[in-house]
Amino acid sequence: MFEREGPPRQEALTWRDVDALIDHLLLQMEGPFDALLIITRGGIVPGGLLCAALDIRHVLTASVEFSADLSRQARLFAWPTFLQFPEETLLEGKRILVVDDVWRGGRTIVTVCRRVEAAGGKPETAVLHYKPKESLFPHLRPDYFAAVTDRWIVYPWELDRDIRGTRLRIEEE
């Protein structure tokens, strides 16, 4: 088998696709969570869907920023800027579901989980898509994920918007 050259293939999802992914996540989860911690911006929609389905009323947000101008190796050691994060008292001793849309490199969700642990919380991670080939943490993976992919995923809430300077391309098979 050979590796495909060029930009990653895109996959545009429908709301029905997202519903199926959420259902797949829900089948994996056990027991109640004390709170849901949504990583902005990608985790906002899946986090909202999960908190409604799981009847989680304690919903928190985290916003983390990393420098984008780093090599792959340097990214492992980059110090994040927390633009928003819940107070430690809201996390201590609680089972926290940490939600994002995609685990690419994993550094954002791993950083958020480490900070939850430092506050005395017990984080568990959930993403719609997991990209193990891109992960900076080969020994870690999400606790719950709905699909494994190497494609560039375009969610229905991103359609017809300027995404990272590019428009969605529908590729011919």
C-alpha atoms as a PDB file:
ATOM      1  CA  MET A   1       0.000   0.000   0.000  1.00  0.00           C
ATOM      2  CA  PHE A   2       1.279   3.493  -0.743  1.00  0.00           C
ATOM      3  CA  GLU A   3       0.815   6.821   1.020  1.00  0.00           C
ATOM      4  CA  ARG A   4      -1.234   9.391  -0.838  1.00  0.00           C
ATOM      5  CA  GLU A   5       0.591  12.612  -1.631  1.00  0.00           C
ATOM      6  CA  GLY A   6      -0.966  16.038  -1.446  1.00  0.00           C
ATOM      7  CA  PRO A   7      -3.511  17.498   0.931  1.00  0.00           C
ATOM      8  CA  PRO A   8      -5.593  15.122   3.033  1.00  0.00           C
ATOM      9  CA  ARG A   9      -8.887  14.015   1.578  1.00  0.00           C
ATOM     10  CA  GLN A  10     -11.882  15.825   2.951  1.00  0.00           C
ATOM     11  CA  GLU A  11     -15.044  14.304   4.287  1.00  0.00           C
ATOM     12  CA  ALA A  12     -18.080  16.531   4.675  1.00  0.00           C
ATOM     13  CA  LEU A  13     -20.545  15.255   7.262  1.00  0.00           C
ATOM     14  CA  THR A  14     -24.280  15.792   7.519  1.00  0.00           C
ATOM     15  CA  TRP A  15     -26.224  16.347  10.723  1.00  0.00           C
ATOM     16  CA  ARG A  16     -27.433  12.760  10.378  1.00  0.00           C
ATOM     17  CA  ASP A  17     -23.784  11.618  10.348  1.00  0.00           C
ATOM     18  CA  VAL A  18     -23.118  13.616  13.516  1.00  0.00           C
ATOM     19  CA  ASP A  19     -26.177  12.100  15.211  1.00  0.00           C
ATOM     20  CA  ALA A  20     -24.833   8.621  14.398  1.00  0.00           C
ATOM     21  CA  LEU A  21     -21.419   9.526  15.818  1.00  0.00           C
ATOM     22  CA  ILE A  22     -23.006  10.852  19.027  1.00  0.00           C
ATOM     23  CA  ASP A  23     -25.076   7.672  19.332  1.00  0.00           C
ATOM     24  CA  HIS A  24     -21.899   5.613  18.949  1.00  0.00           C
ATOM     25  CA  LEU A  25     -20.216   7.601  21.732  1.00  0.00           C
ATOM     26  CA  LEU A  26     -23.215   7.204  24.031  1.00  0.00           C
ATOM     27  CA  LEU A  27     -23.118   3.412  23.671  1.00  0.00           C
ATOM     28  CA  GLN A  28     -19.557   3.408  25.042  1.00  0.00           C
ATOM     29  CA  MET A  29     -20.162   5.531  28.145  1.00  0.00           C
ATOM     30  CA  GLU A  30     -21.021   4.170  31.576  1.00  0.00           C
ATOM     31  CA  GLY A  31     -22.380   5.788  34.678  1.00  0.00           C
ATOM     32  CA  PRO A  32     -23.025   9.439  35.414  1.00  0.00           C
ATOM     33  CA  PHE A  33     -20.511  12.219  34.929  1.00  0.00           C
ATOM     34  CA  ASP A  34     -20.412  15.041  37.449  1.00  0.00           C
ATOM     35  CA  ALA A  35     -19.655  17.649  34.792  1.00  0.00           C
ATOM     36  CA  LEU A  36     -18.885  18.104  31.126  1.00  0.00           C
ATOM     37  CA  LEU A  37     -15.904  20.237  30.104  1.00  0.00           C
ATOM     38  CA  ILE A  38     -16.171  21.494  26.531  1.00  0.00           C
ATOM     39  CA  ILE A  39     -12.986  22.500  24.729  1.00  0.00           C
ATOM     40  CA  THR A  40     -13.681  25.554  22.599  1.00  0.00           C
ATOM     41  CA  ARG A  41     -14.295  25.887  19.768  1.00  0.00           C
ATOM     42  CA  GLY A  42     -14.425  22.407  18.291  1.00  0.00           C
ATOM     43  CA  GLY A  43     -16.109  20.774  21.267  1.00  0.00           C
ATOM     44  CA  ILE A  44     -19.013  23.198  21.547  1.00  0.00           C
ATOM     45  CA  VAL A  45     -21.488  21.396  19.273  1.00  0.00           C
ATOM     46  CA  PRO A  46     -20.632  17.780  20.195  1.00  0.00           C
ATOM     47  CA  GLY A  47     -20.418  18.803  23.856  1.00  0.00           C
ATOM     48  CA  GLY A  48     -23.865  20.382  23.696  1.00  0.00           C
ATOM     49  CA  LEU A  49     -25.310  17.266  22.095  1.00  0.00           C
ATOM     50  CA  LEU A  50     -23.672  14.996  24.672  1.00  0.00           C
ATOM     51  CA  CYS A  51     -24.710  17.056  27.694  1.00  0.00           C
ATOM     52  CA  ALA A  52     -28.307  16.998  26.470  1.00  0.00           C
ATOM     53  CA  ALA A  53     -28.254  13.251  25.800  1.00  0.00           C
ATOM     54  CA  LEU A  54     -26.556  12.474  29.131  1.00  0.00           C
ATOM     55  CA  ASP A  55     -28.610  15.039  31.067  1.00  0.00           C
ATOM     56  CA  ILE A  56     -25.465  16.751  32.371  1.00  0.00           C
ATOM     57  CA  ARG A  57     -26.354  20.134  33.779  1.00  0.00           C
ATOM     58  CA  HIS A  58     -22.918  21.139  35.053  1.00  0.00           C
ATOM     59  CA  VAL A  59     -21.271  22.335  31.808  1.00  0.00           C
ATOM     60  CA  LEU A  60     -17.866  24.047  31.818  1.00  0.00           C
ATOM     61  CA  THR A  61     -15.592  25.384  29.087  1.00  0.00           C
ATOM     62  CA  ALA A  62     -11.853  25.461  28.478  1.00  0.00           C
ATOM     63  CA  SER A  63     -10.064  27.489  25.852  1.00  0.00           C
ATOM     64  CA  VAL A  64      -6.409  26.709  25.179  1.00  0.00           C
ATOM     65  CA  GLU A  65      -3.989  28.247  22.718  1.00  0.00           C
ATOM     66  CA  PHE A  66      -0.628  26.935  21.518  1.00  0.00           C
ATOM     67  CA  SER A  67       1.900  28.593  19.271  1.00  0.00           C
ATOM     68  CA  ALA A  68       1.339  27.308  15.746  1.00  0.00           C
ATOM     69  CA  ASP A  69       4.898  28.037  14.570  1.00  0.00           C
ATOM     70  CA  LEU A  70       6.586  24.995  16.091  1.00  0.00           C
ATOM     71  CA  SER A  71       8.123  21.801  14.823  1.00  0.00           C
ATOM     72  CA  ARG A  72       6.443  18.480  15.676  1.00  0.00           C
ATOM     73  CA  GLN A  73       9.014  17.814  18.426  1.00  0.00           C
ATOM     74  CA  ALA A  74       8.752  21.337  19.866  1.00  0.00           C
ATOM     75  CA  ARG A  75       4.946  20.998  20.052  1.00  0.00           C
ATOM     76  CA  LEU A  76       5.366  18.277  22.675  1.00  0.00           C
ATOM     77  CA  PHE A  77       7.039  20.776  24.993  1.00  0.00           C
ATOM     78  CA  ALA A  78       5.111  23.941  24.081  1.00  0.00           C
ATOM     79  CA  TRP A  79       3.636  25.821  27.009  1.00  0.00           C
ATOM     80  CA  PRO A  80      -0.073  26.533  26.486  1.00  0.00           C
ATOM     81  CA  THR A  81      -1.968  29.698  27.182  1.00  0.00           C
ATOM     82  CA  PHE A  82      -5.250  29.034  28.978  1.00  0.00           C
ATOM     83  CA  LEU A  83      -7.633  31.701  27.754  1.00  0.00           C
ATOM     84  CA  GLN A  84     -10.441  30.234  29.852  1.00  0.00           C
ATOM     85  CA  PHE A  85     -10.543  27.409  32.403  1.00  0.00           C
ATOM     86  CA  PRO A  86     -12.882  26.487  35.278  1.00  0.00           C
ATOM     87  CA  GLU A  87     -11.899  27.084  38.874  1.00  0.00           C
ATOM     88  CA  GLU A  88     -10.294  24.106  40.622  1.00  0.00           C
ATOM     89  CA  THR A  89     -13.156  23.875  43.117  1.00  0.00           C
ATOM     90  CA  LEU A  90     -15.503  22.992  40.250  1.00  0.00           C
ATOM     91  CA  LEU A  91     -13.313  20.017  39.273  1.00  0.00           C
ATOM     92  CA  GLU A  92     -11.988  18.600  42.532  1.00  0.00           C
ATOM     93  CA  GLY A  93     -13.164  15.055  43.222  1.00  0.00           C
ATOM     94  CA  LYS A  94     -15.443  15.033  40.188  1.00  0.00           C
ATOM     95  CA  ARG A  95     -15.692  12.723  37.176  1.00  0.00           C
ATOM     96  CA  ILE A  96     -15.354  15.108  34.244  1.00  0.00           C
ATOM     97  CA  LEU A  97     -16.186  14.290  30.607  1.00  0.00           C
ATOM     98  CA  VAL A  98     -13.795  16.372  28.459  1.00  0.00           C
ATOM     99  CA  VAL A  99     -15.176  16.848  24.928  1.00  0.00           C
ATOM    100  CA  ASP A 100     -13.633  18.025  21.669  1.00  0.00           C
ATOM    101  CA  ASP A 101     -14.473  17.341  18.030  1.00  0.00           C
ATOM    102  CA  VAL A 102     -11.199  15.769  16.852  1.00  0.00           C
ATOM    103  CA  TRP A 103      -8.098  14.307  18.484  1.00  0.00           C
ATOM    104  CA  ARG A 104      -5.426  15.244  15.952  1.00  0.00           C
ATOM    105  CA  GLY A 105      -2.162  15.823  17.763  1.00  0.00           C
ATOM    106  CA  GLY A 106      -3.893  15.466  21.100  1.00  0.00           C
ATOM    107  CA  ARG A 107      -1.997  18.246  22.843  1.00  0.00           C
ATOM    108  CA  THR A 108      -5.034  20.405  23.614  1.00  0.00           C
ATOM    109  CA  ILE A 109      -7.159  17.654  25.129  1.00  0.00           C
ATOM    110  CA  VAL A 110      -4.184  16.105  26.959  1.00  0.00           C
ATOM    111  CA  THR A 111      -3.239  19.511  28.380  1.00  0.00           C
ATOM    112  CA  VAL A 112      -6.813  20.103  29.556  1.00  0.00           C
ATOM    113  CA  CYS A 113      -6.950  16.637  31.162  1.00  0.00           C
ATOM    114  CA  ARG A 114      -3.652  17.192  32.991  1.00  0.00           C
ATOM    115  CA  ARG A 115      -4.968  20.437  34.409  1.00  0.00           C
ATOM    116  CA  VAL A 116      -8.213  18.719  35.498  1.00  0.00           C
ATOM    117  CA  GLU A 117      -6.095  16.040  37.217  1.00  0.00           C
ATOM    118  CA  ALA A 118      -3.968  18.714  38.901  1.00  0.00           C
ATOM    119  CA  ALA A 119      -7.184  20.171  40.326  1.00  0.00           C
ATOM    120  CA  GLY A 120      -8.140  16.760  41.733  1.00  0.00           C
ATOM    121  CA  GLY A 121     -10.653  15.835  39.033  1.00  0.00           C
ATOM    122  CA  LYS A 122     -10.979  12.580  37.128  1.00  0.00           C
ATOM    123  CA  PRO A 123     -11.101  13.386  33.394  1.00  0.00           C
ATOM    124  CA  GLU A 124     -12.368  11.088  30.661  1.00  0.00           C
ATOM    125  CA  THR A 125     -12.109  12.160  27.037  1.00  0.00           C
ATOM    126  CA  ALA A 126     -14.629  11.982  24.207  1.00  0.00           C
ATOM    127  CA  VAL A 127     -14.149  13.020  20.575  1.00  0.00           C
ATOM    128  CA  LEU A 128     -16.074  12.421  17.400  1.00  0.00           C
ATOM    129  CA  HIS A 129     -12.939  11.608  15.392  1.00  0.00           C
ATOM    130  CA  TYR A 130      -9.566  10.177  16.394  1.00  0.00           C
ATOM    131  CA  LYS A 131      -6.513  10.497  14.130  1.00  0.00           C
ATOM    132  CA  PRO A 132      -3.937   8.096  15.605  1.00  0.00           C
ATOM    133  CA  LYS A 133      -1.379   8.697  12.831  1.00  0.00           C
ATOM    134  CA  GLU A 134      -1.236  12.397  13.746  1.00  0.00           C
ATOM    135  CA  SER A 135      -1.182  11.966  17.514  1.00  0.00           C
ATOM    136  CA  LEU A 136       1.783  13.414  19.372  1.00  0.00           C
ATOM    137  CA  PHE A 137       1.011  10.959  22.181  1.00  0.00           C
ATOM    138  CA  PRO A 138       1.221   7.413  20.759  1.00  0.00           C
ATOM    139  CA  HIS A 139       0.773   5.931  24.259  1.00  0.00           C
ATOM    140  CA  LEU A 140      -2.523   7.800  24.779  1.00  0.00           C
ATOM    141  CA  ARG A 141      -5.868   7.806  23.022  1.00  0.00           C
ATOM    142  CA  PRO A 142      -9.344   9.160  23.745  1.00  0.00           C
ATOM    143  CA  ASP A 143     -11.417   7.190  26.247  1.00  0.00           C
ATOM    144  CA  TYR A 144     -14.383   7.432  23.878  1.00  0.00           C
ATOM    145  CA  PHE A 145     -14.268   8.076  20.136  1.00  0.00           C
ATOM    146  CA  ALA A 146     -16.827   7.487  17.431  1.00  0.00           C
ATOM    147  CA  ALA A 147     -14.556   7.046  14.397  1.00  0.00           C
ATOM    148  CA  VAL A 148     -10.917   6.683  13.382  1.00  0.00           C
ATOM    149  CA  THR A 149      -9.877   8.653  10.317  1.00  0.00           C
ATOM    150  CA  ASP A 150      -7.012  10.242   8.436  1.00  0.00           C
ATOM    151  CA  ARG A 151      -9.305  12.604   6.514  1.00  0.00           C
ATOM    152  CA  TRP A 152      -9.908  16.303   7.014  1.00  0.00           C
ATOM    153  CA  ILE A 153     -13.377  16.318   8.555  1.00  0.00           C
ATOM    154  CA  VAL A 154     -15.775  19.144   7.741  1.00  0.00           C
ATOM    155  CA  TYR A 155     -18.707  19.183  10.141  1.00  0.00           C
ATOM    156  CA  PRO A 156     -22.139  20.481   9.097  1.00  0.00           C
ATOM    157  CA  TRP A 157     -21.744  23.585  11.249  1.00  0.00           C
ATOM    158  CA  GLU A 158     -18.597  24.454   9.225  1.00  0.00           C
ATOM    159  CA  LEU A 159     -20.081  24.171   5.738  1.00  0.00           C
ATOM    160  CA  ASP A 160     -20.100  27.313   3.596  1.00  0.00           C
ATOM    161  CA  ARG A 161     -17.723  29.043   5.955  1.00  0.00           C
ATOM    162  CA  ASP A 162     -14.139  30.010   5.392  1.00  0.00           C
ATOM    163  CA  ILE A 163     -12.278  27.239   7.218  1.00  0.00           C
ATOM    164  CA  ARG A 164      -8.612  28.046   7.873  1.00  0.00           C
ATOM    165  CA  GLY A 165      -8.427  30.059   4.690  1.00  0.00           C
ATOM    166  CA  THR A 166      -9.828  27.352   2.424  1.00  0.00           C
ATOM    167  CA  ARG A 167     -13.239  26.518   1.147  1.00  0.00           C
ATOM    168  CA  LEU A 168     -14.625  23.002   1.171  1.00  0.00           C
ATOM    169  CA  ARG A 169     -13.642  21.155  -1.969  1.00  0.00           C
ATOM    170  CA  ILE A 170     -15.751  18.300  -3.143  1.00  0.00           C
ATOM    171  CA  GLU A 171     -13.231  15.865  -4.565  1.00  0.00           C
ATOM    172  CA  GLU A 172     -14.014  13.521  -7.384  1.00  0.00           C
ATOM    173  CA  GLU A 173     -13.465   9.854  -6.619  1.00  0.00           C
END
